[in-house]
C-alpha atoms as a PDB file:
ATOM      1  CA  MET A   1     116.346  94.648  63.634  1.00  0.00           C
ATOM      2  CA  ARG A   2     114.914  98.115  63.605  1.00  0.00           C
ATOM      3  CA  VAL A   3     113.333  99.301  66.372  1.00  0.00           C
ATOM      4  CA  GLY A   4     112.801 102.758  67.457  1.00  0.00           C
ATOM      5  CA  ILE A   5     113.625 104.416  71.109  1.00  0.00           C
ATOM      6  CA  ILE A   6     111.627 106.676  73.315  1.00  0.00           C
ATOM      7  CA  LYS A   7     114.627 107.907  75.505  1.00  0.00           C
ATOM      8  CA  GLY A   8     111.505 109.099  77.692  1.00  0.00           C
ATOM      9  CA  ASN A   9     112.534 111.420  80.810  1.00  0.00           C
ATOM     10  CA  GLY A  10     112.669 111.257  84.526  1.00  0.00           C
ATOM     11  CA  ILE A  11     114.420 107.777  84.464  1.00  0.00           C
ATOM     12  CA  GLY A  12     113.471 106.670  81.346  1.00  0.00           C
ATOM     13  CA  PRO A  13     117.291 107.546  79.880  1.00  0.00           C
ATOM     14  CA  GLU A  14     118.714 105.023  82.138  1.00  0.00           C
ATOM     15  CA  ILE A  15     116.425 101.993  82.510  1.00  0.00           C
ATOM     16  CA  THR A  16     115.902 102.629  78.157  1.00  0.00           C
ATOM     17  CA  ALA A  17     119.936 102.626  77.975  1.00  0.00           C
ATOM     18  CA  ALA A  18     120.375  99.764  80.548  1.00  0.00           C
ATOM     19  CA  THR A  19     117.295  97.676  78.444  1.00  0.00           C
ATOM     20  CA  GLN A  20     119.112  97.752  74.830  1.00  0.00           C
ATOM     21  CA  ARG A  21     121.929  96.227  77.318  1.00  0.00           C
ATOM     22  CA  VAL A  22     120.103  93.308  78.141  1.00  0.00           C
ATOM     23  CA  LEU A  23     118.579  92.840  74.470  1.00  0.00           C
ATOM     24  CA  GLU A  24     121.782  93.010  72.333  1.00  0.00           C
ATOM     25  CA  ALA A  25     123.076  90.448  74.696  1.00  0.00           C
ATOM     26  CA  THR A  26     120.824  88.162  72.824  1.00  0.00           C
ATOM     27  CA  GLY A  27     123.324  88.387  70.013  1.00  0.00           C
ATOM     28  CA  LEU A  28     119.878  89.713  68.136  1.00  0.00           C
ATOM     29  CA  PRO A  29     121.263  92.598  65.309  1.00  0.00           C
ATOM     30  CA  PHE A  30     119.636  96.010  66.611  1.00  0.00           C
ATOM     31  CA  GLU A  31     119.697  98.937  64.919  1.00  0.00           C
ATOM     32  CA  TRP A  32     118.104 101.655  67.045  1.00  0.00           C
ATOM     33  CA  GLU A  33     117.109 104.400  66.162  1.00  0.00           C
ATOM     34  CA  ASP A  34     116.545 107.986  68.437  1.00  0.00           C
ATOM     35  CA  ILE A  35     113.038 109.122  67.905  1.00  0.00           C
ATOM     36  CA  PRO A  36     112.565 112.312  69.754  1.00  0.00           C
ATOM     37  CA  ILE A  37     109.511 113.026  71.638  1.00  0.00           C
ATOM     38  CA  ALA A  38     108.389 115.622  74.239  1.00  0.00           C
ATOM     39  CA  GLY A  39     110.913 118.495  75.420  1.00  0.00           C
ATOM     40  CA  VAL A  40     113.645 117.453  72.455  1.00  0.00           C
ATOM     41  CA  ALA A  41     110.728 117.743  69.856  1.00  0.00           C
ATOM     42  CA  ILE A  42     109.668 120.871  70.852  1.00  0.00           C
ATOM     43  CA  GLN A  43     113.335 122.237  70.613  1.00  0.00           C
ATOM     44  CA  ALA A  44     113.219 120.496  67.246  1.00  0.00           C
ATOM     45  CA  HIS A  45     110.363 121.442  65.350  1.00  0.00           C
ATOM     46  CA  ASP A  46     108.379 123.504  68.700  1.00  0.00           C
ATOM     47  CA  HIS A  47     105.808 120.541  69.511  1.00  0.00           C
ATOM     48  CA  PRO A  48     106.318 117.837  71.964  1.00  0.00           C
ATOM     49  CA  LEU A  49     104.357 115.483  69.304  1.00  0.00           C
ATOM     50  CA  PRO A  50     105.152 116.884  65.477  1.00  0.00           C
ATOM     51  CA  PRO A  51     103.878 114.748  62.439  1.00  0.00           C
ATOM     52  CA  GLU A  52     107.235 113.589  61.999  1.00  0.00           C
ATOM     53  CA  THR A  53     108.173 112.280  65.023  1.00  0.00           C
ATOM     54  CA  VAL A  54     104.350 110.068  64.618  1.00  0.00           C
ATOM     55  CA  GLN A  55     105.938 109.023  60.746  1.00  0.00           C
ATOM     56  CA  ARG A  56     109.287 107.979  62.154  1.00  0.00           C
ATOM     57  CA  LEU A  57     107.437 106.097  64.855  1.00  0.00           C
ATOM     58  CA  ARG A  58     104.951 104.483  62.216  1.00  0.00           C
ATOM     59  CA  ALA A  59     107.930 103.589  59.901  1.00  0.00           C
ATOM     60  CA  ALA A  60     110.097 101.775  62.417  1.00  0.00           C
ATOM     61  CA  LYS A  61     106.588  99.978  63.600  1.00  0.00           C
ATOM     62  CA  TYR A  62     108.693  98.032  66.570  1.00  0.00           C
ATOM     63  CA  ASN A  63     109.316 100.723  69.275  1.00  0.00           C
ATOM     64  CA  ILE A  64     110.614 100.763  73.081  1.00  0.00           C
ATOM     65  CA  LYS A  65     109.144 103.392  75.249  1.00  0.00           C
ATOM     66  CA  ALA A  66     110.296 104.543  78.237  1.00  0.00           C
ATOM     67  CA  PRO A  67     108.186 106.860  81.294  1.00  0.00           C
ATOM     68  CA  LEU A  68     107.366 110.563  80.058  1.00  0.00           C
ATOM     69  CA  ILE A  69     106.690 113.014  83.181  1.00  0.00           C
ATOM     70  CA  VAL A  70     102.514 113.838  82.888  1.00  0.00           C
ATOM     71  CA  ASN A  71     101.698 116.757  85.385  1.00  0.00           C
ATOM     72  CA  LYS A  72      98.693 116.821  87.421  1.00  0.00           C
ATOM     73  CA  LEU A  73      96.128 119.172  86.389  1.00  0.00           C
ATOM     74  CA  GLU A  74      97.555 119.773  83.200  1.00  0.00           C
ATOM     75  CA  GLY A  75      98.649 117.643  80.314  1.00  0.00           C
ATOM     76  CA  ARG A  76      96.954 118.652  77.177  1.00  0.00           C
ATOM     77  CA  ILE A  77      97.889 118.099  74.152  1.00  0.00           C
ATOM     78  CA  THR A  78      96.586 119.375  70.260  1.00  0.00           C
ATOM     79  CA  CYS A  79      97.892 117.408  67.165  1.00  0.00           C
ATOM     80  CA  VAL A  80      97.677 119.240  63.615  1.00  0.00           C
ATOM     81  CA  GLN A  81      95.876 116.080  61.501  1.00  0.00           C
ATOM     82  CA  PRO A  82      96.881 115.755  57.384  1.00  0.00           C
ATOM     83  CA  ASP A  83      94.245 116.611  56.548  1.00  0.00           C
ATOM     84  CA  GLY A  84      94.781 119.983  58.614  1.00  0.00           C
ATOM     85  CA  SER A  85      91.627 119.339  60.942  1.00  0.00           C
ATOM     86  CA  GLU A  86      93.423 119.152  64.941  1.00  0.00           C
ATOM     87  CA  LEU A  87      92.179 116.845  67.876  1.00  0.00           C
ATOM     88  CA  THR A  88      93.153 117.318  71.050  1.00  0.00           C
ATOM     89  CA  TYR A  89      93.949 114.424  73.727  1.00  0.00           C
ATOM     90  CA  PRO A  90      94.571 114.431  77.442  1.00  0.00           C
ATOM     91  CA  SER A  91      97.787 113.595  77.548  1.00  0.00           C
ATOM     92  CA  LEU A  92     101.233 112.680  75.700  1.00  0.00           C
ATOM     93  CA  ASN A  93     100.861 108.987  76.524  1.00  0.00           C
ATOM     94  CA  ASN A  94      97.176 109.573  74.989  1.00  0.00           C
ATOM     95  CA  ALA A  95      98.121 111.112  72.256  1.00  0.00           C
ATOM     96  CA  ILE A  96     101.078 108.827  71.348  1.00  0.00           C
ATOM     97  CA  ARG A  97      98.834 105.555  71.656  1.00  0.00           C
ATOM     98  CA  ARG A  98      95.649 107.495  69.427  1.00  0.00           C
ATOM     99  CA  GLU A  99      97.680 108.910  66.819  1.00  0.00           C
ATOM    100  CA  LEU A 100      99.503 105.590  66.274  1.00  0.00           C
ATOM    101  CA  GLY A 101      96.183 103.610  65.867  1.00  0.00           C
ATOM    102  CA  LEU A 102      97.123 101.496  69.277  1.00  0.00           C
ATOM    103  CA  PHE A 103      94.129 100.147  70.621  1.00  0.00           C
ATOM    104  CA  VAL A 104      95.103  97.639  72.931  1.00  0.00           C
ATOM    105  CA  ASN A 105      97.652  97.490  75.937  1.00  0.00           C
ATOM    106  CA  PRO A 106      98.772  94.395  76.663  1.00  0.00           C
ATOM    107  CA  ARG A 107     100.141  94.191  80.541  1.00  0.00           C
ATOM    108  CA  PRO A 108     101.878  90.602  81.793  1.00  0.00           C
ATOM    109  CA  ILE A 109     102.418  90.496  85.311  1.00  0.00           C
ATOM    110  CA  ARG A 110     103.608  86.843  86.486  1.00  0.00           C
ATOM    111  CA  GLY A 111     105.011  87.245  90.546  1.00  0.00           C
ATOM    112  CA  PHE A 112     108.397  86.253  91.450  1.00  0.00           C
ATOM    113  CA  PRO A 113     110.058  83.709  94.313  1.00  0.00           C
ATOM    114  CA  GLY A 114     110.957  85.977  96.850  1.00  0.00           C
ATOM    115  CA  VAL A 115     109.693  89.231  95.497  1.00  0.00           C
ATOM    116  CA  SER A 116     105.593  88.537  95.588  1.00  0.00           C
ATOM    117  CA  GLY A 117     105.032  86.886  98.657  1.00  0.00           C
ATOM    118  CA  ARG A 118     101.789  84.441  98.464  1.00  0.00           C
ATOM    119  CA  HIS A 119     100.992  85.799  95.109  1.00  0.00           C
ATOM    120  CA  GLU A 120     104.105  84.289  93.579  1.00  0.00           C
ATOM    121  CA  SER A 121     101.777  81.832  91.693  1.00  0.00           C
ATOM    122  CA  LEU A 122     100.175  85.376  90.263  1.00  0.00           C
ATOM    123  CA  ASP A 123     100.409  84.805  86.171  1.00  0.00           C
ATOM    124  CA  ILE A 124      98.210  86.858  84.164  1.00  0.00           C
ATOM    125  CA  VAL A 125      97.597  89.337  81.456  1.00  0.00           C
ATOM    126  CA  VAL A 126      95.715  92.375  81.179  1.00  0.00           C
ATOM    127  CA  MET A 127      94.436  93.352  78.234  1.00  0.00           C
ATOM    128  CA  ARG A 128      93.033  96.915  78.244  1.00  0.00           C
ATOM    129  CA  GLU A 129      91.230  98.675  75.482  1.00  0.00           C
ATOM    130  CA  VAL A 130      93.169 102.066  75.156  1.00  0.00           C
ATOM    131  CA  THR A 131      91.166 104.017  72.552  1.00  0.00           C
ATOM    132  CA  GLU A 132      88.552 104.601  75.062  1.00  0.00           C
ATOM    133  CA  ASP A 133      86.322 105.158  77.565  1.00  0.00           C
ATOM    134  CA  VAL A 134      86.743 108.081  80.054  1.00  0.00           C
ATOM    135  CA  TYR A 135      90.620 108.832  79.308  1.00  0.00           C
ATOM    136  CA  ILE A 136      89.778 110.006  75.952  1.00  0.00           C
ATOM    137  CA  GLY A 137      89.763 113.483  78.048  1.00  0.00           C
ATOM    138  CA  HIS A 138      85.999 115.163  76.685  1.00  0.00           C
ATOM    139  CA  GLU A 139      85.803 117.138  79.752  1.00  0.00           C
ATOM    140  CA  HIS A 140      84.079 120.306  80.612  1.00  0.00           C
ATOM    141  CA  LYS A 141      83.639 122.793  83.320  1.00  0.00           C
ATOM    142  CA  ILE A 142      80.526 123.846  84.800  1.00  0.00           C
ATOM    143  CA  GLY A 143      80.706 127.069  86.513  1.00  0.00           C
ATOM    144  CA  ASP A 144      83.349 128.753  88.018  1.00  0.00           C
ATOM    145  CA  ASP A 145      84.598 125.963  89.923  1.00  0.00           C
ATOM    146  CA  ILE A 146      81.214 124.716  90.228  1.00  0.00           C
ATOM    147  CA  ALA A 147      81.137 121.194  88.909  1.00  0.00           C
ATOM    148  CA  ALA A 148      82.919 119.472  85.922  1.00  0.00           C
ATOM    149  CA  GLU A 149      81.733 116.703  83.853  1.00  0.00           C
ATOM    150  CA  ALA A 150      83.690 114.201  81.779  1.00  0.00           C
ATOM    151  CA  ILE A 151      81.950 111.726  78.407  1.00  0.00           C
ATOM    152  CA  LYS A 152      82.591 108.093  78.839  1.00  0.00           C
ATOM    153  CA  LEU A 153      82.737 106.877  75.242  1.00  0.00           C
ATOM    154  CA  THR A 154      82.124 102.945  74.060  1.00  0.00           C
ATOM    155  CA  THR A 155      81.431 101.914  70.892  1.00  0.00           C
ATOM    156  CA  ARG A 156      80.809  98.657  69.310  1.00  0.00           C
ATOM    157  CA  ALA A 157      83.741  98.197  66.634  1.00  0.00           C
ATOM    158  CA  ALA A 158      86.143  99.183  69.908  1.00  0.00           C
ATOM    159  CA  ALA A 159      84.762  96.464  72.271  1.00  0.00           C
ATOM    160  CA  LEU A 160      84.900  94.277  69.940  1.00  0.00           C
ATOM    161  CA  LYS A 161      88.283  94.505  68.309  1.00  0.00           C
ATOM    162  CA  VAL A 162      89.819  94.492  71.800  1.00  0.00           C
ATOM    163  CA  ALA A 163      87.469  91.256  72.575  1.00  0.00           C
ATOM    164  CA  LYS A 164      88.864  89.223  69.094  1.00  0.00           C
ATOM    165  CA  TYR A 165      92.713  90.309  70.686  1.00  0.00           C
ATOM    166  CA  SER A 166      91.763  88.689  73.709  1.00  0.00           C
ATOM    167  CA  PHE A 167      90.975  85.682  72.716  1.00  0.00           C
ATOM    168  CA  GLU A 168      93.235  85.234  69.615  1.00  0.00           C
ATOM    169  CA  TYR A 169      95.715  86.177  72.040  1.00  0.00           C
ATOM    170  CA  ALA A 170      94.773  82.866  74.843  1.00  0.00           C
ATOM    171  CA  ARG A 171      94.290  80.498  71.614  1.00  0.00           C
ATOM    172  CA  ARG A 172      97.495  81.907  70.896  1.00  0.00           C
ATOM    173  CA  LEU A 173      99.622  81.133  73.481  1.00  0.00           C
ATOM    174  CA  GLY A 174      97.408  77.903  75.299  1.00  0.00           C
ATOM    175  CA  ARG A 175      95.539  80.107  77.926  1.00  0.00           C
ATOM    176  CA  LYS A 176      92.501  78.847  79.380  1.00  0.00           C
ATOM    177  CA  ARG A 177      90.147  81.401  80.510  1.00  0.00           C
ATOM    178  CA  VAL A 178      89.467  84.925  78.927  1.00  0.00           C
ATOM    179  CA  THR A 179      87.626  87.338  82.306  1.00  0.00           C
ATOM    180  CA  CYS A 180      85.855  89.985  81.170  1.00  0.00           C
ATOM    181  CA  LEU A 181      85.655  93.266  84.292  1.00  0.00           C
ATOM    182  CA  HIS A 182      83.021  95.561  83.771  1.00  0.00           C
ATOM    183  CA  LYS A 183      80.704  98.266  85.628  1.00  0.00           C
ATOM    184  CA  ALA A 184      78.070  97.209  83.437  1.00  0.00           C
ATOM    185  CA  ASN A 185      75.305  96.657  86.932  1.00  0.00           C
ATOM    186  CA  VAL A 186      75.403 100.376  86.822  1.00  0.00           C
ATOM    187  CA  LEU A 187      76.955 101.800  83.924  1.00  0.00           C
ATOM    188  CA  ASN A 188      73.993  99.746  81.646  1.00  0.00           C
ATOM    189  CA  TYR A 189      75.010 100.828  78.030  1.00  0.00           C
ATOM    190  CA  THR A 190      78.714 102.052  78.475  1.00  0.00           C
ATOM    191  CA  ASP A 191      79.533  98.946  80.107  1.00  0.00           C
ATOM    192  CA  GLY A 192      76.981  97.041  79.094  1.00  0.00           C
ATOM    193  CA  LEU A 193      77.711  97.456  75.665  1.00  0.00           C
ATOM    194  CA  PHE A 194      81.763  96.516  76.366  1.00  0.00           C
ATOM    195  CA  LEU A 195      80.168  93.053  78.182  1.00  0.00           C
ATOM    196  CA  ARG A 196      77.905  92.161  75.747  1.00  0.00           C
ATOM    197  CA  CYS A 197      80.212  92.903  72.504  1.00  0.00           C
ATOM    198  CA  PHE A 198      82.488  90.231  74.808  1.00  0.00           C
ATOM    199  CA  GLN A 199      79.941  87.742  75.107  1.00  0.00           C
ATOM    200  CA  GLU A 200      78.995  88.253  71.632  1.00  0.00           C
ATOM    201  CA  THR A 201      82.976  87.269  70.928  1.00  0.00           C
ATOM    202  CA  SER A 202      82.914  84.473  72.936  1.00  0.00           C
ATOM    203  CA  ARG A 203      80.945  82.407  71.157  1.00  0.00           C
ATOM    204  CA  ASP A 204      83.729  82.224  68.250  1.00  0.00           C
ATOM    205  CA  TYR A 205      86.282  80.439  71.031  1.00  0.00           C
ATOM    206  CA  PRO A 206      84.090  77.431  72.325  1.00  0.00           C
ATOM    207  CA  GLU A 207      87.235  75.646  73.552  1.00  0.00           C
ATOM    208  CA  ILE A 208      88.461  78.770  75.729  1.00  0.00           C
ATOM    209  CA  GLN A 209      86.528  79.375  79.023  1.00  0.00           C
ATOM    210  CA  SER A 210      84.921  82.637  79.585  1.00  0.00           C
ATOM    211  CA  ASP A 211      82.977  84.745  82.048  1.00  0.00           C
ATOM    212  CA  ASP A 212      82.638  88.368  83.389  1.00  0.00           C
ATOM    213  CA  MET A 213      83.192  89.783  87.170  1.00  0.00           C
ATOM    214  CA  MET A 214      81.955  93.732  88.292  1.00  0.00           C
ATOM    215  CA  ILE A 215      85.937  95.527  88.491  1.00  0.00           C
ATOM    216  CA  ASP A 216      85.247  96.491  92.657  1.00  0.00           C
ATOM    217  CA  ALA A 217      84.378  92.220  93.248  1.00  0.00           C
ATOM    218  CA  ALA A 218      88.156  91.843  90.667  1.00  0.00           C
ATOM    219  CA  CYS A 219      89.957  94.122  93.095  1.00  0.00           C
ATOM    220  CA  TYR A 220      89.067  91.435  96.006  1.00  0.00           C
ATOM    221  CA  THR A 221      89.718  88.316  94.410  1.00  0.00           C
ATOM    222  CA  ILE A 222      92.771  88.335  92.842  1.00  0.00           C
ATOM    223  CA  VAL A 223      94.286  89.971  96.347  1.00  0.00           C
ATOM    224  CA  ARG A 224      92.700  86.916  97.683  1.00  0.00           C
ATOM    225  CA  ASP A 225      93.096  84.066  94.775  1.00  0.00           C
ATOM    226  CA  PRO A 226      95.845  84.594  92.687  1.00  0.00           C
ATOM    227  CA  LYS A 227      95.195  81.825  90.391  1.00  0.00           C
ATOM    228  CA  ARG A 228      91.510  83.229  89.797  1.00  0.00           C
ATOM    229  CA  PHE A 229      92.436  85.022  86.671  1.00  0.00           C
ATOM    230  CA  ASP A 230      93.891  84.308  83.441  1.00  0.00           C
ATOM    231  CA  VAL A 231      93.605  86.791  80.572  1.00  0.00           C
ATOM    232  CA  ILE A 232      90.976  90.109  81.846  1.00  0.00           C
ATOM    233  CA  VAL A 233      90.085  92.139  79.277  1.00  0.00           C
ATOM    234  CA  THR A 234      88.591  95.627  80.073  1.00  0.00           C
ATOM    235  CA  ALA A 235      88.456  99.417  79.279  1.00  0.00           C
ATOM    236  CA  ASN A 236      90.576 101.756  79.104  1.00  0.00           C
ATOM    237  CA  GLN A 237      90.682 102.946  82.917  1.00  0.00           C
ATOM    238  CA  TYR A 238      89.581  99.904  85.075  1.00  0.00           C
ATOM    239  CA  GLY A 239      92.525  98.474  82.935  1.00  0.00           C
ATOM    240  CA  ASP A 240      95.022 101.046  84.384  1.00  0.00           C
ATOM    241  CA  ILE A 241      94.064 100.588  87.613  1.00  0.00           C
ATOM    242  CA  PHE A 242      93.526  96.720  87.563  1.00  0.00           C
ATOM    243  CA  SER A 243      96.743  96.143  86.330  1.00  0.00           C
ATOM    244  CA  ASP A 244      98.814  98.899  88.994  1.00  0.00           C
ATOM    245  CA  LEU A 245      97.136  96.287  91.518  1.00  0.00           C
ATOM    246  CA  ALA A 246      98.529  93.190  90.451  1.00  0.00           C
ATOM    247  CA  ALA A 247     101.664  94.365  89.593  1.00  0.00           C
ATOM    248  CA  GLY A 248     101.868  95.542  93.464  1.00  0.00           C
ATOM    249  CA  LEU A 249     101.038  92.365  93.971  1.00  0.00           C
ATOM    250  CA  ALA A 250     104.208  91.040  92.383  1.00  0.00           C
ATOM    251  CA  GLY A 251     105.884  92.864  94.647  1.00  0.00           C
ATOM    252  CA  SER A 252     106.306  96.177  91.998  1.00  0.00           C
ATOM    253  CA  LEU A 253     105.487  97.975  89.340  1.00  0.00           C
ATOM    254  CA  GLY A 254     109.640  98.169  88.500  1.00  0.00           C
ATOM    255  CA  LEU A 255     108.764  94.094  87.300  1.00  0.00           C
ATOM    256  CA  ALA A 256     105.660  95.196  85.197  1.00  0.00           C
ATOM    257  CA  PRO A 257     106.041  95.248  81.488  1.00  0.00           C
ATOM    258  CA  GLY A 258     103.491  96.296  79.228  1.00  0.00           C
ATOM    259  CA  ALA A 259     103.268  97.089  75.096  1.00  0.00           C
ATOM    260  CA  ASN A 260     100.956  99.328  73.188  1.00  0.00           C
ATOM    261  CA  ILE A 261      99.678  97.095  69.632  1.00  0.00           C
ATOM    262  CA  GLY A 262      98.315  98.465  66.739  1.00  0.00           C
ATOM    263  CA  ASP A 263      97.964  97.604  63.473  1.00  0.00           C
ATOM    264  CA  GLY A 264     101.124  97.212  61.631  1.00  0.00           C
ATOM    265  CA  VAL A 265     102.622  99.657  64.627  1.00  0.00           C
ATOM    266  CA  CYS A 266     103.775  98.777  68.639  1.00  0.00           C
ATOM    267  CA  VAL A 267     105.287 100.297  71.511  1.00  0.00           C
ATOM    268  CA  PHE A 268     106.768  98.912  74.063  1.00  0.00           C
ATOM    269  CA  GLU A 269     106.489 100.208  77.366  1.00  0.00           C
ATOM    270  CA  ALA A 270     107.064  99.321  81.310  1.00  0.00           C
ATOM    271  CA  SER A 271     103.789  99.628  83.356  1.00  0.00           C
ATOM    272  CA  HIS A 272     105.056 102.533  85.939  1.00  0.00           C
ATOM    273  CA  GLY A 273     106.456 105.795  85.515  1.00  0.00           C
ATOM    274  CA  ALA A 274     109.301 108.693  85.166  1.00  0.00           C
ATOM    275  CA  ALA A 275     109.554 108.402  88.740  1.00  0.00           C
ATOM    276  CA  PRO A 276     112.196 112.126  88.316  1.00  0.00           C
ATOM    277  CA  ASP A 277     112.471 111.920  92.354  1.00  0.00           C
ATOM    278  CA  ILE A 278     115.632 109.772  91.735  1.00  0.00           C
ATOM    279  CA  ALA A 279     116.479 110.117  88.470  1.00  0.00           C
ATOM    280  CA  GLY A 280     120.545 110.145  87.642  1.00  0.00           C
ATOM    281  CA  LYS A 281     121.033 108.709  91.153  1.00  0.00           C
ATOM    282  CA  GLY A 282     121.610 105.534  89.179  1.00  0.00           C
ATOM    283  CA  ILE A 283     119.679 103.443  91.278  1.00  0.00           C
ATOM    284  CA  ALA A 284     116.480 102.363  88.956  1.00  0.00           C
ATOM    285  CA  ASN A 285     114.966  99.723  88.069  1.00  0.00           C
ATOM    286  CA  PRO A 286     114.828  99.128  84.561  1.00  0.00           C
ATOM    287  CA  LEU A 287     113.704  95.197  84.784  1.00  0.00           C
ATOM    288  CA  ALA A 288     109.906  95.819  83.668  1.00  0.00           C
ATOM    289  CA  LEU A 289     111.289  98.572  80.208  1.00  0.00           C
ATOM    290  CA  VAL A 290     113.275  94.576  80.058  1.00  0.00           C
ATOM    291  CA  LEU A 291     110.851  92.730  80.338  1.00  0.00           C
ATOM    292  CA  SER A 292     108.654  95.232  77.868  1.00  0.00           C
ATOM    293  CA  GLY A 293     111.900  94.414  75.423  1.00  0.00           C
ATOM    294  CA  ALA A 294     110.861  90.448  76.372  1.00  0.00           C
ATOM    295  CA  GLU A 295     107.279  91.007  74.409  1.00  0.00           C
ATOM    296  CA  LEU A 296     109.139  93.113  71.660  1.00  0.00           C
ATOM    297  CA  LEU A 297     111.214  90.085  70.871  1.00  0.00           C
ATOM    298  CA  ASP A 298     108.505  87.810  70.931  1.00  0.00           C
ATOM    299  CA  GLU A 299     105.952  90.320  68.879  1.00  0.00           C
ATOM    300  CA  THR A 300     108.935  90.003  65.928  1.00  0.00           C
ATOM    301  CA  GLY A 301     109.098  86.135  65.724  1.00  0.00           C
ATOM    302  CA  ASN A 302     112.281  85.903  68.307  1.00  0.00           C
ATOM    303  CA  HIS A 303     110.073  83.865  70.772  1.00  0.00           C
ATOM    304  CA  LYS A 304     113.784  82.142  72.488  1.00  0.00           C
ATOM    305  CA  GLU A 305     115.488  85.132  73.102  1.00  0.00           C
ATOM    306  CA  ALA A 306     112.235  86.026  74.518  1.00  0.00           C
ATOM    307  CA  THR A 307     112.332  83.524  76.751  1.00  0.00           C
ATOM    308  CA  ALA A 308     115.419  83.838  77.535  1.00  0.00           C
ATOM    309  CA  VAL A 309     115.482  87.610  78.988  1.00  0.00           C
ATOM    310  CA  ARG A 310     112.676  86.617  81.499  1.00  0.00           C
ATOM    311  CA  GLU A 311     114.536  83.895  82.525  1.00  0.00           C
ATOM    312  CA  ALA A 312     117.177  85.302  83.004  1.00  0.00           C
ATOM    313  CA  VAL A 313     115.473  88.079  85.083  1.00  0.00           C
ATOM    314  CA  ARG A 314     113.674  85.722  87.216  1.00  0.00           C
ATOM    315  CA  LYS A 315     117.369  84.073  88.461  1.00  0.00           C
ATOM    316  CA  VAL A 316     118.538  86.748  88.315  1.00  0.00           C
ATOM    317  CA  ILE A 317     115.754  87.972  91.047  1.00  0.00           C
ATOM    318  CA  GLU A 318     115.851  84.144  93.047  1.00  0.00           C
ATOM    319  CA  ALA A 319     119.354  84.983  93.707  1.00  0.00           C
ATOM    320  CA  LYS A 320     118.890  88.559  94.743  1.00  0.00           C
ATOM    321  CA  THR A 321     122.017  89.490  92.756  1.00  0.00           C
ATOM    322  CA  SER A 322     122.678  93.197  92.236  1.00  0.00           C
ATOM    323  CA  LEU A 323     118.665  94.446  93.041  1.00  0.00           C
ATOM    324  CA  THR A 324     117.536  97.464  93.197  1.00  0.00           C
ATOM    325  CA  PRO A 325     116.457  99.609  96.599  1.00  0.00           C
ATOM    326  CA  ASP A 326     113.055  98.558  95.906  1.00  0.00           C
ATOM    327  CA  LEU A 327     113.369  95.402  95.224  1.00  0.00           C
ATOM    328  CA  GLY A 328     115.246  94.843  98.826  1.00  0.00           C
ATOM    329  CA  GLY A 329     118.619  95.383  97.539  1.00  0.00           C
ATOM    330  CA  SER A 330     121.736  97.669  96.942  1.00  0.00           C
ATOM    331  CA  GLY A 331     122.444  97.094  93.245  1.00  0.00           C
ATOM    332  CA  THR A 332     122.063  99.833  90.369  1.00  0.00           C
ATOM    333  CA  THR A 333     120.896 100.606  87.116  1.00  0.00           C
ATOM    334  CA  ASP A 334     123.499  99.538  85.047  1.00  0.00           C
ATOM    335  CA  SER A 335     124.709  96.735  88.153  1.00  0.00           C
ATOM    336  CA  LEU A 336     120.865  95.293  87.592  1.00  0.00           C
ATOM    337  CA  ALA A 337     121.240  95.031  84.035  1.00  0.00           C
ATOM    338  CA  ALA A 338     124.901  94.095  83.579  1.00  0.00           C
ATOM    339  CA  VAL A 339     124.266  90.633  85.799  1.00  0.00           C
ATOM    340  CA  VAL A 340     120.497  89.800  83.380  1.00  0.00           C
ATOM    341  CA  SER A 341     123.024  90.739  80.367  1.00  0.00           C
ATOM    342  CA  GLU A 342     125.616  87.943  81.122  1.00  0.00           C
ATOM    343  CA  GLU A 343     122.153  85.347  82.705  1.00  0.00           C
ATOM    344  CA  VAL A 344     121.066  85.751  78.616  1.00  0.00           C
ATOM    345  CA  LYS A 345     124.146  85.177  77.409  1.00  0.00           C
ATOM    346  CA  LYS A 346     124.640  81.679  79.496  1.00  0.00           C
ATOM    347  CA  ILE A 347     121.008  80.920  78.695  1.00  0.00           C
ATOM    348  CA  LEU A 348     121.490  81.238  74.839  1.00  0.00           C
ATOM    349  CA  ALA A 349     125.039  79.398  74.979  1.00  0.00           C
END
């Protein structure tokens, strides 16, 4: 199984190695392909995301991406298109998604006994549309630091596509409800269009409950009642923020996996950042990227192995074996990966 690897920076290389170790414990025949990006790509191609990297990611089809450092107040990146034109993106992460045509970022978030407290019953999937909204980076300054404006983009095509994906996902996995989060009471045109597209799509799935909620009310509700939600579909920025809130309720961003799905290409990544402050210390929690690897296994049809990885993670967390400091333990990245790998082997045996 050929899988492209973006090792990232900060804690990226450490948690990538841990994830590869756990996935190899399934016994599946992986062929890892290191793909240069950011600093490594600059050294080789004088660009953080050259066309060669985009082509290799697309050819690999399935890719695992560790976190990349994105600095505040900077990070815009311009990519040359096949026709010679240029597109500018607000960040490297955004550029990867849009250059590859990745349109939805599913983030499954589950609670864990012993870690999540009263939110251990949490079991949601946030479907974040990732091609539009204010994250397109179309913004400009007004005067000399007097003001600034940003454009919030919503198109019918993108809203319908992510809504359909969310309902199809719910149907395939036997999920009961899909909820649209928005602020259509204020943003009548943009969020209003997103909501109308969701409502139109819901009519094609009468067996699945559908409803909607204001994003601010949803933040309050998930804290009070974690069982209220099932599958959630929402715009780019709302999905980014809401999924991090849900991960905090689950106990740690280190337990929040993610994927980026496009037509014929996928990139699986943890929902957290590169944590440069603990890079090289060997204490980074690899479980979010490991669980992202389980999402990759599901996407490739290896459901038995995907279930084994998730079950192994749950057992290790419940037993509190070699957990990293963010989960209240004194284990290391390597020791945690080792015990999860052994548990995967036992389950599959």
